[in-house]
Amino acid sequence: MDNYHIVLTGKGWQLTKEGDPKVIKTGETRAELIEIAAAFLRDKTASLKIHSSDGKIQEERTYPSSADPAASKG
């Protein structure tokens, strides 16, 4: 499973693939980039790590959700 990150940089919010410095997508806001990333990852099996403005991982989403290894009831 590939890992992708949404991070705030000096150039705004950016989506990158872990281990690759190339910027895949950008957005003016984190919320906008989350929507863009969801569409980009729709046909992939991937983990999206969403960072807060201080750089810490705030949330993690798995695409598709059925591939989430930590999925649990409730």
PDB file of N, CA and C in Angstrom:
ATOM      1  N   MET A   1       0.855  -1.174   0.000  1.00  0.00           N
ATOM      2  CA  MET A   1       0.000   0.000   0.000  1.00  0.00           C
ATOM      3  C   MET A   1       0.901   1.237   0.000  1.00  0.00           C
ATOM      4  N   ASP A   2       0.614   2.161  -0.901  1.00  0.00           N
ATOM      5  CA  ASP A   2       1.373   3.408  -0.969  1.00  0.00           C
ATOM      6  C   ASP A   2       0.871   4.380   0.090  1.00  0.00           C
ATOM      7  N   ASN A   3       1.780   5.198   0.591  1.00  0.00           N
ATOM      8  CA  ASN A   3       1.440   6.216   1.584  1.00  0.00           C
ATOM      9  C   ASN A   3       1.559   7.601   0.963  1.00  0.00           C
ATOM     10  N   TYR A   4       0.535   8.400   1.178  1.00  0.00           N
ATOM     11  CA  TYR A   4       0.507   9.776   0.687  1.00  0.00           C
ATOM     12  C   TYR A   4       0.323  10.704   1.884  1.00  0.00           C
ATOM     13  N   HIS A   5       0.831  11.931   1.737  1.00  0.00           N
ATOM     14  CA  HIS A   5       0.757  12.898   2.825  1.00  0.00           C
ATOM     15  C   HIS A   5       0.217  14.229   2.320  1.00  0.00           C
ATOM     16  N   ILE A   6      -0.640  14.835   3.128  1.00  0.00           N
ATOM     17  CA  ILE A   6      -1.075  16.212   2.900  1.00  0.00           C
ATOM     18  C   ILE A   6      -0.387  17.044   3.967  1.00  0.00           C
ATOM     19  N   VAL A   7       0.451  17.995   3.521  1.00  0.00           N
ATOM     20  CA  VAL A   7       1.225  18.817   4.449  1.00  0.00           C
ATOM     21  C   VAL A   7       1.178  20.284   4.038  1.00  0.00           C
ATOM     22  N   LEU A   8       1.362  21.142   5.016  1.00  0.00           N
ATOM     23  CA  LEU A   8       1.454  22.577   4.766  1.00  0.00           C
ATOM     24  C   LEU A   8       2.918  22.926   4.586  1.00  0.00           C
ATOM     25  N   THR A   9       3.219  23.603   3.483  1.00  0.00           N
ATOM     26  CA  THR A   9       4.583  24.047   3.209  1.00  0.00           C
ATOM     27  C   THR A   9       4.555  25.558   3.005  1.00  0.00           C
ATOM     28  N   GLY A  10       5.691  26.125   2.739  1.00  0.00           N
ATOM     29  CA  GLY A  10       5.767  27.546   2.442  1.00  0.00           C
ATOM     30  C   GLY A  10       5.037  27.918   1.160  1.00  0.00           C
ATOM     31  N   LYS A  11       4.668  26.905   0.376  1.00  0.00           N
ATOM     32  CA  LYS A  11       3.954  27.117  -0.886  1.00  0.00           C
ATOM     33  C   LYS A  11       2.492  26.706  -0.794  1.00  0.00           C
ATOM     34  N   GLY A  12       1.982  26.466   0.413  1.00  0.00           N
ATOM     35  CA  GLY A  12       0.591  26.070   0.602  1.00  0.00           C
ATOM     36  C   GLY A  12       0.472  24.590   0.918  1.00  0.00           C
ATOM     37  N   TRP A  13      -0.749  24.075   0.834  1.00  0.00           N
ATOM     38  CA  TRP A  13      -1.025  22.662   1.121  1.00  0.00           C
ATOM     39  C   TRP A  13      -0.650  21.811  -0.083  1.00  0.00           C
ATOM     40  N   GLN A  14       0.076  20.710   0.184  1.00  0.00           N
ATOM     41  CA  GLN A  14       0.561  19.880  -0.905  1.00  0.00           C
ATOM     42  C   GLN A  14       0.329  18.401  -0.599  1.00  0.00           C
ATOM     43  N   LEU A  15       0.049  17.642  -1.666  1.00  0.00           N
ATOM     44  CA  LEU A  15      -0.071  16.190  -1.599  1.00  0.00           C
ATOM     45  C   LEU A  15       1.188  15.595  -2.199  1.00  0.00           C
ATOM     46  N   THR A  16       1.841  14.714  -1.431  1.00  0.00           N
ATOM     47  CA  THR A  16       3.035  14.034  -1.923  1.00  0.00           C
ATOM     48  C   THR A  16       2.936  12.551  -1.611  1.00  0.00           C
ATOM     49  N   LYS A  17       3.673  11.762  -2.377  1.00  0.00           N
ATOM     50  CA  LYS A  17       3.782  10.331  -2.115  1.00  0.00           C
ATOM     51  C   LYS A  17       5.013  10.125  -1.242  1.00  0.00           C
ATOM     52  N   GLU A  18       4.874   9.320  -0.203  1.00  0.00           N
ATOM     53  CA  GLU A  18       5.984   9.081   0.713  1.00  0.00           C
ATOM     54  C   GLU A  18       7.195   8.555  -0.050  1.00  0.00           C
ATOM     55  N   GLY A  19       8.357   9.168   0.199  1.00  0.00           N
ATOM     56  CA  GLY A  19       9.588   8.755  -0.452  1.00  0.00           C
ATOM     57  C   GLY A  19       9.852   9.440  -1.782  1.00  0.00           C
ATOM     58  N   ASP A  20       8.921  10.254  -2.242  1.00  0.00           N
ATOM     59  CA  ASP A  20       9.067  10.963  -3.517  1.00  0.00           C
ATOM     60  C   ASP A  20       8.846  12.453  -3.269  1.00  0.00           C
ATOM     61  N   PRO A  21       9.850  13.275  -3.499  1.00  0.00           N
ATOM     62  CA  PRO A  21       9.715  14.710  -3.210  1.00  0.00           C
ATOM     63  C   PRO A  21       8.794  15.468  -4.176  1.00  0.00           C
ATOM     64  N   LYS A  22       8.377  14.814  -5.263  1.00  0.00           N
ATOM     65  CA  LYS A  22       7.533  15.465  -6.263  1.00  0.00           C
ATOM     66  C   LYS A  22       6.145  15.789  -5.674  1.00  0.00           C
ATOM     67  N   VAL A  23       5.687  17.007  -5.898  1.00  0.00           N
ATOM     68  CA  VAL A  23       4.353  17.416  -5.458  1.00  0.00           C
ATOM     69  C   VAL A  23       3.345  16.913  -6.489  1.00  0.00           C
ATOM     70  N   ILE A  24       2.328  16.180  -6.012  1.00  0.00           N
ATOM     71  CA  ILE A  24       1.334  15.591  -6.906  1.00  0.00           C
ATOM     72  C   ILE A  24       0.179  16.552  -7.150  1.00  0.00           C
ATOM     73  N   LYS A  25      -0.344  17.131  -6.075  1.00  0.00           N
ATOM     74  CA  LYS A  25      -1.480  18.058  -6.149  1.00  0.00           C
ATOM     75  C   LYS A  25      -1.268  19.157  -5.110  1.00  0.00           C
ATOM     76  N   THR A  26      -1.903  20.305  -5.335  1.00  0.00           N
ATOM     77  CA  THR A  26      -1.857  21.404  -4.382  1.00  0.00           C
ATOM     78  C   THR A  26      -3.260  21.941  -4.155  1.00  0.00           C
ATOM     79  N   GLY A  27      -3.418  22.656  -3.043  1.00  0.00           N
ATOM     80  CA  GLY A  27      -4.700  23.268  -2.736  1.00  0.00           C
ATOM     81  C   GLY A  27      -4.500  24.508  -1.890  1.00  0.00           C
ATOM     82  N   GLU A  28      -5.431  25.428  -1.978  1.00  0.00           N
ATOM     83  CA  GLU A  28      -5.341  26.648  -1.186  1.00  0.00           C
ATOM     84  C   GLU A  28      -5.629  26.373   0.280  1.00  0.00           C
ATOM     85  N   THR A  29      -6.495  25.390   0.545  1.00  0.00           N
ATOM     86  CA  THR A  29      -6.827  25.023   1.917  1.00  0.00           C
ATOM     87  C   THR A  29      -6.649  23.524   2.080  1.00  0.00           C
ATOM     88  N   ARG A  30      -6.518  23.098   3.322  1.00  0.00           N
ATOM     89  CA  ARG A  30      -6.390  21.671   3.593  1.00  0.00           C
ATOM     90  C   ARG A  30      -7.665  20.939   3.183  1.00  0.00           C
ATOM     91  N   ALA A  31      -8.821  21.518   3.494  1.00  0.00           N
ATOM     92  CA  ALA A  31     -10.099  20.895   3.146  1.00  0.00           C
ATOM     93  C   ALA A  31     -10.219  20.688   1.634  1.00  0.00           C
ATOM     94  N   GLU A  32      -9.812  21.695   0.874  1.00  0.00           N
ATOM     95  CA  GLU A  32      -9.859  21.580  -0.585  1.00  0.00           C
ATOM     96  C   GLU A  32      -8.956  20.446  -1.060  1.00  0.00           C
ATOM     97  N   LEU A  33      -7.765  20.364  -0.497  1.00  0.00           N
ATOM     98  CA  LEU A  33      -6.821  19.336  -0.939  1.00  0.00           C
ATOM     99  C   LEU A  33      -7.266  17.946  -0.508  1.00  0.00           C
ATOM    100  N   ILE A  34      -7.949  17.819   0.610  1.00  0.00           N
ATOM    101  CA  ILE A  34      -8.483  16.514   1.021  1.00  0.00           C
ATOM    102  C   ILE A  34      -9.467  16.010  -0.026  1.00  0.00           C
ATOM    103  N   GLU A  35     -10.335  16.882  -0.533  1.00  0.00           N
ATOM    104  CA  GLU A  35     -11.284  16.489  -1.586  1.00  0.00           C
ATOM    105  C   GLU A  35     -10.555  16.104  -2.867  1.00  0.00           C
ATOM    106  N   ILE A  36      -9.555  16.886  -3.235  1.00  0.00           N
ATOM    107  CA  ILE A  36      -8.769  16.601  -4.435  1.00  0.00           C
ATOM    108  C   ILE A  36      -8.056  15.266  -4.290  1.00  0.00           C
ATOM    109  N   ALA A  37      -7.473  15.027  -3.111  1.00  0.00           N
ATOM    110  CA  ALA A  37      -6.743  13.778  -2.857  1.00  0.00           C
ATOM    111  C   ALA A  37      -7.684  12.577  -2.894  1.00  0.00           C
ATOM    112  N   ALA A  38      -8.881  12.724  -2.344  1.00  0.00           N
ATOM    113  CA  ALA A  38      -9.849  11.624  -2.356  1.00  0.00           C
ATOM    114  C   ALA A  38     -10.172  11.207  -3.787  1.00  0.00           C
ATOM    115  N   ALA A  39     -10.349  12.178  -4.672  1.00  0.00           N
ATOM    116  CA  ALA A  39     -10.617  11.870  -6.074  1.00  0.00           C
ATOM    117  C   ALA A  39      -9.396  11.216  -6.726  1.00  0.00           C
ATOM    118  N   PHE A  40      -8.208  11.705  -6.421  1.00  0.00           N
ATOM    119  CA  PHE A  40      -6.963  11.169  -6.972  1.00  0.00           C
ATOM    120  C   PHE A  40      -6.734   9.725  -6.525  1.00  0.00           C
ATOM    121  N   LEU A  41      -7.086   9.409  -5.276  1.00  0.00           N
ATOM    122  CA  LEU A  41      -6.828   8.088  -4.715  1.00  0.00           C
ATOM    123  C   LEU A  41      -7.975   7.106  -4.917  1.00  0.00           C
ATOM    124  N   ARG A  42      -9.035   7.530  -5.542  1.00  0.00           N
ATOM    125  CA  ARG A  42     -10.243   6.712  -5.714  1.00  0.00           C
ATOM    126  C   ARG A  42      -9.938   5.327  -6.277  1.00  0.00           C
ATOM    127  N   ASP A  43      -9.052   5.226  -7.251  1.00  0.00           N
ATOM    128  CA  ASP A  43      -8.773   3.951  -7.911  1.00  0.00           C
ATOM    129  C   ASP A  43      -7.478   3.303  -7.435  1.00  0.00           C
ATOM    130  N   LYS A  44      -6.961   3.761  -6.292  1.00  0.00           N
ATOM    131  CA  LYS A  44      -5.705   3.229  -5.767  1.00  0.00           C
ATOM    132  C   LYS A  44      -5.949   2.578  -4.408  1.00  0.00           C
ATOM    133  N   THR A  45      -5.048   1.714  -4.009  1.00  0.00           N
ATOM    134  CA  THR A  45      -5.039   1.213  -2.639  1.00  0.00           C
ATOM    135  C   THR A  45      -3.943   1.992  -1.940  1.00  0.00           C
ATOM    136  N   ALA A  46      -4.343   2.871  -1.019  1.00  0.00           N
ATOM    137  CA  ALA A  46      -3.376   3.800  -0.440  1.00  0.00           C
ATOM    138  C   ALA A  46      -3.815   4.268   0.939  1.00  0.00           C
ATOM    139  N   SER A  47      -2.845   4.787   1.657  1.00  0.00           N
ATOM    140  CA  SER A  47      -3.088   5.411   2.947  1.00  0.00           C
ATOM    141  C   SER A  47      -2.803   6.907   2.792  1.00  0.00           C
ATOM    142  N   LEU A  48      -3.734   7.732   3.251  1.00  0.00           N
ATOM    143  CA  LEU A  48      -3.572   9.185   3.187  1.00  0.00           C
ATOM    144  C   LEU A  48      -3.400   9.707   4.605  1.00  0.00           C
ATOM    145  N   LYS A  49      -2.249  10.297   4.872  1.00  0.00           N
ATOM    146  CA  LYS A  49      -1.967  10.873   6.176  1.00  0.00           C
ATOM    147  C   LYS A  49      -2.137  12.389   6.068  1.00  0.00           C
ATOM    148  N   ILE A  50      -3.075  12.911   6.842  1.00  0.00           N
ATOM    149  CA  ILE A  50      -3.408  14.328   6.794  1.00  0.00           C
ATOM    150  C   ILE A  50      -2.757  15.009   7.992  1.00  0.00           C
ATOM    151  N   HIS A  51      -1.858  15.928   7.713  1.00  0.00           N
ATOM    152  CA  HIS A  51      -1.113  16.614   8.756  1.00  0.00           C
ATOM    153  C   HIS A  51      -1.807  17.918   9.147  1.00  0.00           C
ATOM    154  N   SER A  52      -1.631  18.322  10.404  1.00  0.00           N
ATOM    155  CA  SER A  52      -2.117  19.625  10.848  1.00  0.00           C
ATOM    156  C   SER A  52      -1.090  20.679  10.428  1.00  0.00           C
ATOM    157  N   SER A  53      -1.408  21.938  10.651  1.00  0.00           N
ATOM    158  CA  SER A  53      -0.507  23.010  10.222  1.00  0.00           C
ATOM    159  C   SER A  53       0.833  22.968  10.948  1.00  0.00           C
ATOM    160  N   ASP A  54       0.904  22.280  12.112  1.00  0.00           N
ATOM    161  CA  ASP A  54       2.186  22.169  12.819  1.00  0.00           C
ATOM    162  C   ASP A  54       3.001  20.953  12.384  1.00  0.00           C
ATOM    163  N   GLY A  55       2.507  20.204  11.400  1.00  0.00           N
ATOM    164  CA  GLY A  55       3.244  19.092  10.828  1.00  0.00           C
ATOM    165  C   GLY A  55       2.929  17.726  11.407  1.00  0.00           C
ATOM    166  N   LYS A  56       2.165  17.665  12.487  1.00  0.00           N
ATOM    167  CA  LYS A  56       1.830  16.380  13.095  1.00  0.00           C
ATOM    168  C   LYS A  56       0.691  15.707  12.323  1.00  0.00           C
ATOM    169  N   ILE A  57       0.742  14.373  12.261  1.00  0.00           N
ATOM    170  CA  ILE A  57      -0.334  13.633  11.600  1.00  0.00           C
ATOM    171  C   ILE A  57      -1.581  13.756  12.469  1.00  0.00           C
ATOM    172  N   GLN A  58      -2.635  14.294  11.869  1.00  0.00           N
ATOM    173  CA  GLN A  58      -3.878  14.522  12.585  1.00  0.00           C
ATOM    174  C   GLN A  58      -4.910  13.430  12.282  1.00  0.00           C
ATOM    175  N   GLU A  59      -4.847  12.894  11.064  1.00  0.00           N
ATOM    176  CA  GLU A  59      -5.842  11.913  10.633  1.00  0.00           C
ATOM    177  C   GLU A  59      -5.225  11.017   9.574  1.00  0.00           C
ATOM    178  N   GLU A  60      -5.726   9.785   9.503  1.00  0.00           N
ATOM    179  CA  GLU A  60      -5.289   8.865   8.453  1.00  0.00           C
ATOM    180  C   GLU A  60      -6.511   8.218   7.830  1.00  0.00           C
ATOM    181  N   ARG A  61      -6.540   8.192   6.509  1.00  0.00           N
ATOM    182  CA  ARG A  61      -7.644   7.580   5.765  1.00  0.00           C
ATOM    183  C   ARG A  61      -7.071   6.534   4.829  1.00  0.00           C
ATOM    184  N   THR A  62      -7.832   5.459   4.627  1.00  0.00           N
ATOM    185  CA  THR A  62      -7.415   4.383   3.735  1.00  0.00           C
ATOM    186  C   THR A  62      -8.355   4.351   2.533  1.00  0.00           C
ATOM    187  N   TYR A  63      -7.778   4.189   1.357  1.00  0.00           N
ATOM    188  CA  TYR A  63      -8.547   4.095   0.113  1.00  0.00           C
ATOM    189  C   TYR A  63      -8.234   2.769  -0.540  1.00  0.00           C
ATOM    190  N   PRO A  64      -9.222   1.980  -0.939  1.00  0.00           N
ATOM    191  CA  PRO A  64     -10.607   2.120  -0.515  1.00  0.00           C
ATOM    192  C   PRO A  64     -10.728   1.782   0.967  1.00  0.00           C
ATOM    193  N   SER A  65     -11.809   2.185   1.584  1.00  0.00           N
ATOM    194  CA  SER A  65     -11.961   1.963   3.021  1.00  0.00           C
ATOM    195  C   SER A  65     -11.949   0.480   3.377  1.00  0.00           C
ATOM    196  N   SER A  66     -12.298  -0.361   2.437  1.00  0.00           N
ATOM    197  CA  SER A  66     -12.282  -1.807   2.683  1.00  0.00           C
ATOM    198  C   SER A  66     -10.859  -2.348   2.866  1.00  0.00           C
ATOM    199  N   ALA A  67      -9.857  -1.575   2.466  1.00  0.00           N
ATOM    200  CA  ALA A  67      -8.457  -2.005   2.605  1.00  0.00           C
ATOM    201  C   ALA A  67      -7.863  -1.590   3.944  1.00  0.00           C
ATOM    202  N   ASP A  68      -8.659  -0.948   4.800  1.00  0.00           N
ATOM    203  CA  ASP A  68      -8.155  -0.489   6.090  1.00  0.00           C
ATOM    204  C   ASP A  68      -7.865  -1.676   7.003  1.00  0.00           C
ATOM    205  N   PRO A  69      -6.603  -1.897   7.366  1.00  0.00           N
ATOM    206  CA  PRO A  69      -6.278  -3.042   8.210  1.00  0.00           C
ATOM    207  C   PRO A  69      -6.775  -2.878   9.649  1.00  0.00           C
ATOM    208  N   ALA A  70      -7.079  -1.661  10.065  1.00  0.00           N
ATOM    209  CA  ALA A  70      -7.538  -1.412  11.429  1.00  0.00           C
ATOM    210  C   ALA A  70      -9.052  -1.267  11.502  1.00  0.00           C
ATOM    211  N   ALA A  71      -9.733  -1.636  10.440  1.00  0.00           N
ATOM    212  CA  ALA A  71     -11.193  -1.481  10.433  1.00  0.00           C
ATOM    213  C   ALA A  71     -11.797  -2.319  11.550  1.00  0.00           C
ATOM    214  N   SER A  72     -12.734  -1.705  12.243  1.00  0.00           N
ATOM    215  CA  SER A  72     -13.392  -2.422  13.334  1.00  0.00           C
ATOM    216  C   SER A  72     -14.840  -1.975  13.413  1.00  0.00           C
ATOM    217  N   LYS A  73     -15.663  -2.788  14.030  1.00  0.00           N
ATOM    218  CA  LYS A  73     -17.064  -2.428  14.210  1.00  0.00           C
ATOM    219  C   LYS A  73     -17.152  -1.357  15.285  1.00  0.00           C
ATOM    220  N   GLY A  74     -18.025  -0.380  15.042  1.00  0.00           N
ATOM    221  CA  GLY A  74     -18.275   0.658  16.054  1.00  0.00           C
ATOM    222  C   GLY A  74     -17.336   1.693  16.087  1.00  0.00           C
TER     223      GLY A  74
END
